[in-house]
Amino acid sequence: AHYVVLQHGLDGSAAEMRNLKAAIHKHFKSQSHISPCHILVSDVNENQTLDGIEAGGARLARYIAQQVPGKSMLSLVGHSLGGLYCRAAITILHTKGYLKRVTPICFVTLATPHLGLSMARL
C-alpha cells in the first residue's frame, strides 16, 4: 500500500489539509490499477509550531514510524513550515534506518522556505 502523509504549516491544523487530502484521494481512486492509497493527515504539530524545526520533525518522524508499516510506499507532502518538518523527519527516519523498511516515493513541499526568510521582508 502507498501511504501519503500530509503536514500543515505554521500555526496550522490538520483540518487545513482536508482539500488536499480530498484531491489526492480522488486522484488515486480514479487510478484503480495503482495499489491502495492511505492518506494520513498529521496532527502531531498542532499548537506546537513554535518550538523549532527539529522538534516538529521529530514528532512527525515518530508519527510516520508508528502509522506506516514496513514494506509500504511512503510519500510526504508538507505545506510551508510543514515542508521543513517533513525534511527533518526524512533525515531522522534515514538515520534510524526506517527508510530501508519502506519504499520512498515522493517528497513534495508547497510554499516552503527552504532557504529561510529575510526578516527585512516580514
Foldseek 3Di string as FASTA:
>chain_A
DEEEEEEEADLDALVVCVVVVVVVVVVVVVVVVDPDYHYHYDGQCHVPRPPDLLVLLVSVLVVCPVPPFFAYEYEYEYEASGLSSVVNSVVVCVVVVVCVRYHYDYRYYHNYPPVDDDPVVD
